[in-house]
PDB file of N, CA and C in Angstrom:
ATOM      1  N   MET A   1      78.294  92.617 113.204  1.00  0.00           N
ATOM      2  CA  MET A   1      77.534  93.330 112.193  1.00  0.00           C
ATOM      3  C   MET A   1      78.326  93.350 110.888  1.00  0.00           C
ATOM      4  N   ASN A   2      77.634  93.142 109.789  1.00  0.00           N
ATOM      5  CA  ASN A   2      78.256  93.151 108.471  1.00  0.00           C
ATOM      6  C   ASN A   2      78.537  94.567 108.004  1.00  0.00           C
ATOM      7  N   GLU A   3      79.680  94.731 107.381  1.00  0.00           N
ATOM      8  CA  GLU A   3      79.997  96.014 106.771  1.00  0.00           C
ATOM      9  C   GLU A   3      79.255  96.117 105.441  1.00  0.00           C
ATOM     10  N   VAL A   4      78.788  97.313 105.104  1.00  0.00           N
ATOM     11  CA  VAL A   4      78.060  97.543 103.859  1.00  0.00           C
ATOM     12  C   VAL A   4      79.013  98.169 102.850  1.00  0.00           C
ATOM     13  N   TYR A   5      78.953  97.680 101.599  1.00  0.00           N
ATOM     14  CA  TYR A   5      79.854  98.131 100.550  1.00  0.00           C
ATOM     15  C   TYR A   5      79.096  98.812  99.421  1.00  0.00           C
ATOM     16  N   THR A   6      79.787  99.699  98.724  1.00  0.00           N
ATOM     17  CA  THR A   6      79.244 100.258  97.487  1.00  0.00           C
ATOM     18  C   THR A   6      79.477  99.244  96.372  1.00  0.00           C
ATOM     19  N   LEU A   7      78.839  99.469  95.248  1.00  0.00           N
ATOM     20  CA  LEU A   7      79.013  98.594  94.097  1.00  0.00           C
ATOM     21  C   LEU A   7      80.479  98.547  93.667  1.00  0.00           C
ATOM     22  N   GLU A   8      81.122  99.689  93.656  1.00  0.00           N
ATOM     23  CA  GLU A   8      82.518  99.770  93.219  1.00  0.00           C
ATOM     24  C   GLU A   8      83.436  98.988  94.158  1.00  0.00           C
ATOM     25  N   VAL A   9      83.216  99.118  95.452  1.00  0.00           N
ATOM     26  CA  VAL A   9      84.039  98.403  96.430  1.00  0.00           C
ATOM     27  C   VAL A   9      83.780  96.900  96.323  1.00  0.00           C
ATOM     28  N   LEU A  10      82.523  96.517  96.167  1.00  0.00           N
ATOM     29  CA  LEU A  10      82.191  95.099  96.018  1.00  0.00           C
ATOM     30  C   LEU A  10      82.870  94.509  94.789  1.00  0.00           C
ATOM     31  N   ALA A  11      82.880  95.255  93.693  1.00  0.00           N
ATOM     32  CA  ALA A  11      83.547  94.794  92.477  1.00  0.00           C
ATOM     33  C   ALA A  11      85.040  94.601  92.725  1.00  0.00           C
ATOM     34  N   LYS A  12      85.635  95.510  93.451  1.00  0.00           N
ATOM     35  CA  LYS A  12      87.070  95.419  93.736  1.00  0.00           C
ATOM     36  C   LYS A  12      87.370  94.230  94.652  1.00  0.00           C
ATOM     37  N   ILE A  13      86.555  94.038  95.674  1.00  0.00           N
ATOM     38  CA  ILE A  13      86.763  92.935  96.625  1.00  0.00           C
ATOM     39  C   ILE A  13      86.641  91.586  95.931  1.00  0.00           C
ATOM     40  N   THR A  14      85.639  91.447  95.076  1.00  0.00           N
ATOM     41  CA  THR A  14      85.347  90.149  94.472  1.00  0.00           C
ATOM     42  C   THR A  14      86.032  89.927  93.127  1.00  0.00           C
ATOM     43  N   GLY A  15      86.478  91.015  92.483  1.00  0.00           N
ATOM     44  CA  GLY A  15      87.066  90.878  91.156  1.00  0.00           C
ATOM     45  C   GLY A  15      86.027  90.656  90.068  1.00  0.00           C
ATOM     46  N   ILE A  16      84.780  90.960  90.382  1.00  0.00           N
ATOM     47  CA  ILE A  16      83.676  90.798  89.426  1.00  0.00           C
ATOM     48  C   ILE A  16      83.299  92.170  88.899  1.00  0.00           C
ATOM     49  N   GLU A  17      83.126  92.282  87.603  1.00  0.00           N
ATOM     50  CA  GLU A  17      82.778  93.560  86.974  1.00  0.00           C
ATOM     51  C   GLU A  17      81.477  94.114  87.558  1.00  0.00           C
ATOM     52  N   SER A  18      81.415  95.430  87.681  1.00  0.00           N
ATOM     53  CA  SER A  18      80.215  96.096  88.203  1.00  0.00           C
ATOM     54  C   SER A  18      78.975  95.749  87.388  1.00  0.00           C
ATOM     55  N   THR A  19      79.127  95.692  86.072  1.00  0.00           N
ATOM     56  CA  THR A  19      77.974  95.367  85.220  1.00  0.00           C
ATOM     57  C   THR A  19      77.448  93.964  85.503  1.00  0.00           C
ATOM     58  N   THR A  20      78.353  93.037  85.801  1.00  0.00           N
ATOM     59  CA  THR A  20      77.936  91.672  86.148  1.00  0.00           C
ATOM     60  C   THR A  20      77.217  91.667  87.483  1.00  0.00           C
ATOM     61  N   LEU A  21      77.720  92.445  88.445  1.00  0.00           N
ATOM     62  CA  LEU A  21      77.062  92.531  89.749  1.00  0.00           C
ATOM     63  C   LEU A  21      75.655  93.098  89.622  1.00  0.00           C
ATOM     64  N   VAL A  22      75.495  94.107  88.790  1.00  0.00           N
ATOM     65  CA  VAL A  22      74.167  94.685  88.556  1.00  0.00           C
ATOM     66  C   VAL A  22      73.246  93.630  87.939  1.00  0.00           C
ATOM     67  N   GLN A  23      73.781  92.862  87.003  1.00  0.00           N
ATOM     68  CA  GLN A  23      72.992  91.796  86.374  1.00  0.00           C
ATOM     69  C   GLN A  23      72.564  90.763  87.427  1.00  0.00           C
ATOM     70  N   TYR A  24      73.468  90.384  88.316  1.00  0.00           N
ATOM     71  CA  TYR A  24      73.131  89.438  89.385  1.00  0.00           C
ATOM     72  C   TYR A  24      72.040  90.015  90.279  1.00  0.00           C
ATOM     73  N   GLN A  25      72.147  91.298  90.579  1.00  0.00           N
ATOM     74  CA  GLN A  25      71.144  91.945  91.422  1.00  0.00           C
ATOM     75  C   GLN A  25      69.791  91.981  90.717  1.00  0.00           C
ATOM     76  N   GLU A  26      69.779  92.348  89.457  1.00  0.00           N
ATOM     77  CA  GLU A  26      68.524  92.420  88.705  1.00  0.00           C
ATOM     78  C   GLU A  26      67.846  91.057  88.587  1.00  0.00           C
ATOM     79  N   ARG A  27      68.627  90.001  88.528  1.00  0.00           N
ATOM     80  CA  ARG A  27      68.075  88.651  88.420  1.00  0.00           C
ATOM     81  C   ARG A  27      67.718  88.050  89.773  1.00  0.00           C
ATOM     82  N   GLY A  28      68.016  88.785  90.848  1.00  0.00           N
ATOM     83  CA  GLY A  28      67.673  88.310  92.179  1.00  0.00           C
ATOM     84  C   GLY A  28      68.664  87.318  92.751  1.00  0.00           C
ATOM     85  N   ILE A  29      69.862  87.249  92.180  1.00  0.00           N
ATOM     86  CA  ILE A  29      70.879  86.324  92.676  1.00  0.00           C
ATOM     87  C   ILE A  29      71.553  86.873  93.920  1.00  0.00           C
ATOM     88  N   ILE A  30      71.727  88.196  93.971  1.00  0.00           N
ATOM     89  CA  ILE A  30      72.249  88.841  95.171  1.00  0.00           C
ATOM     90  C   ILE A  30      71.291  89.938  95.602  1.00  0.00           C
ATOM     91  N   ARG A  31      71.356  90.272  96.882  1.00  0.00           N
ATOM     92  CA  ARG A  31      70.489  91.310  97.436  1.00  0.00           C
ATOM     93  C   ARG A  31      71.011  92.693  97.083  1.00  0.00           C
ATOM     94  N   PRO A  32      70.147  93.706  97.113  1.00  0.00           N
ATOM     95  CA  PRO A  32      70.590  95.071  96.808  1.00  0.00           C
ATOM     96  C   PRO A  32      71.564  95.642  97.836  1.00  0.00           C
ATOM     97  N   GLN A  33      71.532  95.157  99.067  1.00  0.00           N
ATOM     98  CA  GLN A  33      72.461  95.646 100.088  1.00  0.00           C
ATOM     99  C   GLN A  33      73.717  94.785 100.016  1.00  0.00           C
ATOM    100  N   PHE A  34      74.838  95.414  99.692  1.00  0.00           N
ATOM    101  CA  PHE A  34      76.093  94.689  99.515  1.00  0.00           C
ATOM    102  C   PHE A  34      76.853  94.662 100.828  1.00  0.00           C
ATOM    103  N   ASP A  35      76.997  93.466 101.401  1.00  0.00           N
ATOM    104  CA  ASP A  35      77.691  93.310 102.670  1.00  0.00           C
ATOM    105  C   ASP A  35      78.543  92.044 102.633  1.00  0.00           C
ATOM    106  N   ASP A  36      79.057  91.637 103.798  1.00  0.00           N
ATOM    107  CA  ASP A  36      79.911  90.453 103.859  1.00  0.00           C
ATOM    108  C   ASP A  36      79.185  89.194 103.401  1.00  0.00           C
ATOM    109  N   ASP A  37      77.883  89.097 103.687  1.00  0.00           N
ATOM    110  CA  ASP A  37      77.100  87.953 103.209  1.00  0.00           C
ATOM    111  C   ASP A  37      77.051  87.929 101.684  1.00  0.00           C
ATOM    112  N   THR A  38      76.966  89.108 101.081  1.00  0.00           N
ATOM    113  CA  THR A  38      76.957  89.207  99.622  1.00  0.00           C
ATOM    114  C   THR A  38      78.288  88.725  99.048  1.00  0.00           C
ATOM    115  N   VAL A  39      79.383  89.078  99.702  1.00  0.00           N
ATOM    116  CA  VAL A  39      80.702  88.623  99.244  1.00  0.00           C
ATOM    117  C   VAL A  39      80.756  87.098  99.267  1.00  0.00           C
ATOM    118  N   ARG A  40      80.277  86.484 100.352  1.00  0.00           N
ATOM    119  CA  ARG A  40      80.261  85.020 100.439  1.00  0.00           C
ATOM    120  C   ARG A  40      79.365  84.421  99.360  1.00  0.00           C
ATOM    121  N   SER A  41      78.208  85.021  99.146  1.00  0.00           N
ATOM    122  CA  SER A  41      77.294  84.534  98.105  1.00  0.00           C
ATOM    123  C   SER A  41      77.939  84.615  96.722  1.00  0.00           C
ATOM    124  N   LEU A  42      78.627  85.714  96.468  1.00  0.00           N
ATOM    125  CA  LEU A  42      79.264  85.889  95.161  1.00  0.00           C
ATOM    126  C   LEU A  42      80.372  84.875  94.936  1.00  0.00           C
ATOM    127  N   ARG A  43      81.084  84.541  95.968  1.00  0.00           N
ATOM    128  CA  ARG A  43      82.124  83.507  95.827  1.00  0.00           C
ATOM    129  C   ARG A  43      81.488  82.175  95.460  1.00  0.00           C
ATOM    130  N   ARG A  44      80.356  81.867  96.082  1.00  0.00           N
ATOM    131  CA  ARG A  44      79.641  80.632  95.758  1.00  0.00           C
ATOM    132  C   ARG A  44      79.123  80.681  94.321  1.00  0.00           C
ATOM    133  N   VAL A  45      78.540  81.808  93.933  1.00  0.00           N
ATOM    134  CA  VAL A  45      78.000  81.962  92.579  1.00  0.00           C
ATOM    135  C   VAL A  45      79.094  81.772  91.539  1.00  0.00           C
ATOM    136  N   GLU A  46      80.223  82.425  91.737  1.00  0.00           N
ATOM    137  CA  GLU A  46      81.316  82.316  90.775  1.00  0.00           C
ATOM    138  C   GLU A  46      81.872  80.900  90.713  1.00  0.00           C
ATOM    139  N   HIS A  47      81.924  80.223  91.855  1.00  0.00           N
ATOM    140  CA  HIS A  47      82.364  78.826  91.857  1.00  0.00           C
ATOM    141  C   HIS A  47      81.406  77.962  91.046  1.00  0.00           C
ATOM    142  N   LEU A  48      80.122  78.143  91.260  1.00  0.00           N
ATOM    143  CA  LEU A  48      79.128  77.356  90.533  1.00  0.00           C
ATOM    144  C   LEU A  48      79.201  77.615  89.023  1.00  0.00           C
ATOM    145  N   ARG A  49      79.415  78.860  88.655  1.00  0.00           N
ATOM    146  CA  ARG A  49      79.495  79.205  87.232  1.00  0.00           C
ATOM    147  C   ARG A  49      80.765  78.659  86.592  1.00  0.00           C
ATOM    148  N   GLU A  50      81.899  78.859  87.273  1.00  0.00           N
ATOM    149  CA  GLU A  50      83.183  78.494  86.680  1.00  0.00           C
ATOM    150  C   GLU A  50      83.487  76.997  86.798  1.00  0.00           C
ATOM    151  N   ALA A  51      83.380  76.461  87.998  1.00  0.00           N
ATOM    152  CA  ALA A  51      83.771  75.069  88.228  1.00  0.00           C
ATOM    153  C   ALA A  51      82.699  74.074  87.786  1.00  0.00           C
ATOM    154  N   CYS A  52      81.446  74.467  87.932  1.00  0.00           N
ATOM    155  CA  CYS A  52      80.356  73.540  87.634  1.00  0.00           C
ATOM    156  C   CYS A  52      79.656  73.841  86.314  1.00  0.00           C
ATOM    157  N   GLY A  53      79.974  74.971  85.714  1.00  0.00           N
ATOM    158  CA  GLY A  53      79.379  75.316  84.425  1.00  0.00           C
ATOM    159  C   GLY A  53      77.893  75.639  84.479  1.00  0.00           C
ATOM    160  N   MET A  54      77.411  76.115  85.608  1.00  0.00           N
ATOM    161  CA  MET A  54      75.987  76.428  85.728  1.00  0.00           C
ATOM    162  C   MET A  54      75.675  77.779  85.086  1.00  0.00           C
ATOM    163  N   ASN A  55      74.485  77.859  84.480  1.00  0.00           N
ATOM    164  CA  ASN A  55      74.036  79.160  83.960  1.00  0.00           C
ATOM    165  C   ASN A  55      73.388  79.946  85.093  1.00  0.00           C
ATOM    166  N   LEU A  56      73.045  81.202  84.823  1.00  0.00           N
ATOM    167  CA  LEU A  56      72.526  82.069  85.886  1.00  0.00           C
ATOM    168  C   LEU A  56      71.213  81.581  86.478  1.00  0.00           C
ATOM    169  N   GLU A  57      70.355  81.004  85.645  1.00  0.00           N
ATOM    170  CA  GLU A  57      69.085  80.488  86.190  1.00  0.00           C
ATOM    171  C   GLU A  57      69.333  79.324  87.136  1.00  0.00           C
ATOM    172  N   GLY A  58      70.269  78.454  86.780  1.00  0.00           N
ATOM    173  CA  GLY A  58      70.622  77.342  87.656  1.00  0.00           C
ATOM    174  C   GLY A  58      71.251  77.827  88.944  1.00  0.00           C
ATOM    175  N   VAL A  59      72.129  78.823  88.831  1.00  0.00           N
ATOM    176  CA  VAL A  59      72.768  79.408  90.005  1.00  0.00           C
ATOM    177  C   VAL A  59      71.719  80.010  90.926  1.00  0.00           C
ATOM    178  N   LYS A  60      70.775  80.748  90.350  1.00  0.00           N
ATOM    179  CA  LYS A  60      69.723  81.376  91.165  1.00  0.00           C
ATOM    180  C   LYS A  60      68.904  80.313  91.897  1.00  0.00           C
ATOM    181  N   LEU A  61      68.494  79.276  91.188  1.00  0.00           N
ATOM    182  CA  LEU A  61      67.706  78.210  91.802  1.00  0.00           C
ATOM    183  C   LEU A  61      68.483  77.529  92.921  1.00  0.00           C
ATOM    184  N   LEU A  62      69.732  77.189  92.658  1.00  0.00           N
ATOM    185  CA  LEU A  62      70.529  76.507  93.670  1.00  0.00           C
ATOM    186  C   LEU A  62      70.785  77.393  94.881  1.00  0.00           C
ATOM    187  N   THR A  63      71.071  78.670  94.676  1.00  0.00           N
ATOM    188  CA  THR A  63      71.307  79.548  95.823  1.00  0.00           C
ATOM    189  C   THR A  63      70.040  79.735  96.654  1.00  0.00           C
ATOM    190  N   GLU A  64      68.882  79.776  96.002  1.00  0.00           N
ATOM    191  CA  GLU A  64      67.624  79.856  96.744  1.00  0.00           C
ATOM    192  C   GLU A  64      67.409  78.597  97.573  1.00  0.00           C
ATOM    193  N   LEU A  65      67.694  77.443  96.983  1.00  0.00           N
ATOM    194  CA  LEU A  65      67.537  76.181  97.712  1.00  0.00           C
ATOM    195  C   LEU A  65      68.513  76.090  98.879  1.00  0.00           C
ATOM    196  N   LEU A  66      69.753  76.493  98.663  1.00  0.00           N
ATOM    197  CA  LEU A  66      70.733  76.482  99.746  1.00  0.00           C
ATOM    198  C   LEU A  66      70.337  77.440 100.869  1.00  0.00           C
ATOM    199  N   GLY A  67      69.776  78.587 100.505  1.00  0.00           N
ATOM    200  CA  GLY A  67      69.282  79.525 101.519  1.00  0.00           C
ATOM    201  C   GLY A  67      68.150  78.926 102.330  1.00  0.00           C
ATOM    202  N   GLU A  68      67.264  78.211 101.656  1.00  0.00           N
ATOM    203  CA  GLU A  68      66.153  77.560 102.353  1.00  0.00           C
ATOM    204  C   GLU A  68      66.661  76.469 103.285  1.00  0.00           C
ATOM    205  N   VAL A  69      67.631  75.704 102.851  1.00  0.00           N
ATOM    206  CA  VAL A  69      68.228  74.675 103.708  1.00  0.00           C
ATOM    207  C   VAL A  69      68.825  75.311 104.958  1.00  0.00           C
ATOM    208  N   GLU A  70      69.532  76.409 104.787  1.00  0.00           N
ATOM    209  CA  GLU A  70      70.136  77.089 105.935  1.00  0.00           C
ATOM    210  C   GLU A  70      69.063  77.609 106.890  1.00  0.00           C
ATOM    211  N   ARG A  71      67.975  78.176 106.357  1.00  0.00           N
ATOM    212  CA  ARG A  71      66.880  78.649 107.217  1.00  0.00           C
ATOM    213  C   ARG A  71      66.266  77.486 108.011  1.00  0.00           C
ATOM    214  N   LEU A  72      66.093  76.343 107.359  1.00  0.00           N
ATOM    215  CA  LEU A  72      65.535  75.179 108.039  1.00  0.00           C
ATOM    216  C   LEU A  72      66.475  74.667 109.117  1.00  0.00           C
ATOM    217  N   ARG A  73      67.775  74.689 108.852  1.00  0.00           N
ATOM    218  CA  ARG A  73      68.763  74.281 109.864  1.00  0.00           C
ATOM    219  C   ARG A  73      68.694  75.193 111.085  1.00  0.00           C
ATOM    220  N   GLU A  74      68.558  76.498 110.833  1.00  0.00           N
ATOM    221  CA  GLU A  74      68.454  77.447 111.941  1.00  0.00           C
ATOM    222  C   GLU A  74      67.204  77.197 112.776  1.00  0.00           C
ATOM    223  N   GLN A  75      66.093  76.847 112.111  1.00  0.00           N
ATOM    224  CA  GLN A  75      64.872  76.552 112.826  1.00  0.00           C
ATOM    225  C   GLN A  75      65.040  75.305 113.683  1.00  0.00           C
ATOM    226  N   LEU A  76      65.713  74.296 113.143  1.00  0.00           N
ATOM    227  CA  LEU A  76      65.951  73.076 113.916  1.00  0.00           C
ATOM    228  C   LEU A  76      66.835  73.353 115.119  1.00  0.00           C
ATOM    229  N   ARG A  77      67.874  74.158 114.939  1.00  0.00           N
ATOM    230  CA  ARG A  77      68.756  74.508 116.056  1.00  0.00           C
ATOM    231  C   ARG A  77      67.986  75.240 117.144  1.00  0.00           C
ATOM    232  N   ALA A  78      67.082  76.114 116.745  1.00  0.00           N
ATOM    233  CA  ALA A  78      66.312  76.892 117.709  1.00  0.00           C
ATOM    234  C   ALA A  78      65.368  76.009 118.517  1.00  0.00           C
ATOM    235  N   LYS A  79      64.907  74.901 117.939  1.00  0.00           N
ATOM    236  CA  LYS A  79      63.978  74.011 118.631  1.00  0.00           C
ATOM    237  C   LYS A  79      64.684  73.082 119.605  1.00  0.00           C
ATOM    238  N   ARG A  80      65.986  72.926 119.465  1.00  0.00           N
ATOM    239  CA  ARG A  80      66.722  71.989 120.323  1.00  0.00           C
ATOM    240  C   ARG A  80      67.034  72.569 121.659  1.00  0.00           C
TER     241      ARG A  80
END
């Protein structure tokens, strides 16, 4: 089970400002429930922004597509 974090704890764990996290949440990049999955997502988001130079709309689109790919993989595994 994933541990649930407050906004302040999530900011401390990830090193991302609380205001930025709120912005990510408002744009639908991260879910309102902050847990270990959110930490992993934020690491991916920050990598895409910093290393790849993606803007927030691009990050949102790519994370949605990656989530869909993962859901499809899970469905394929379940059918095997």
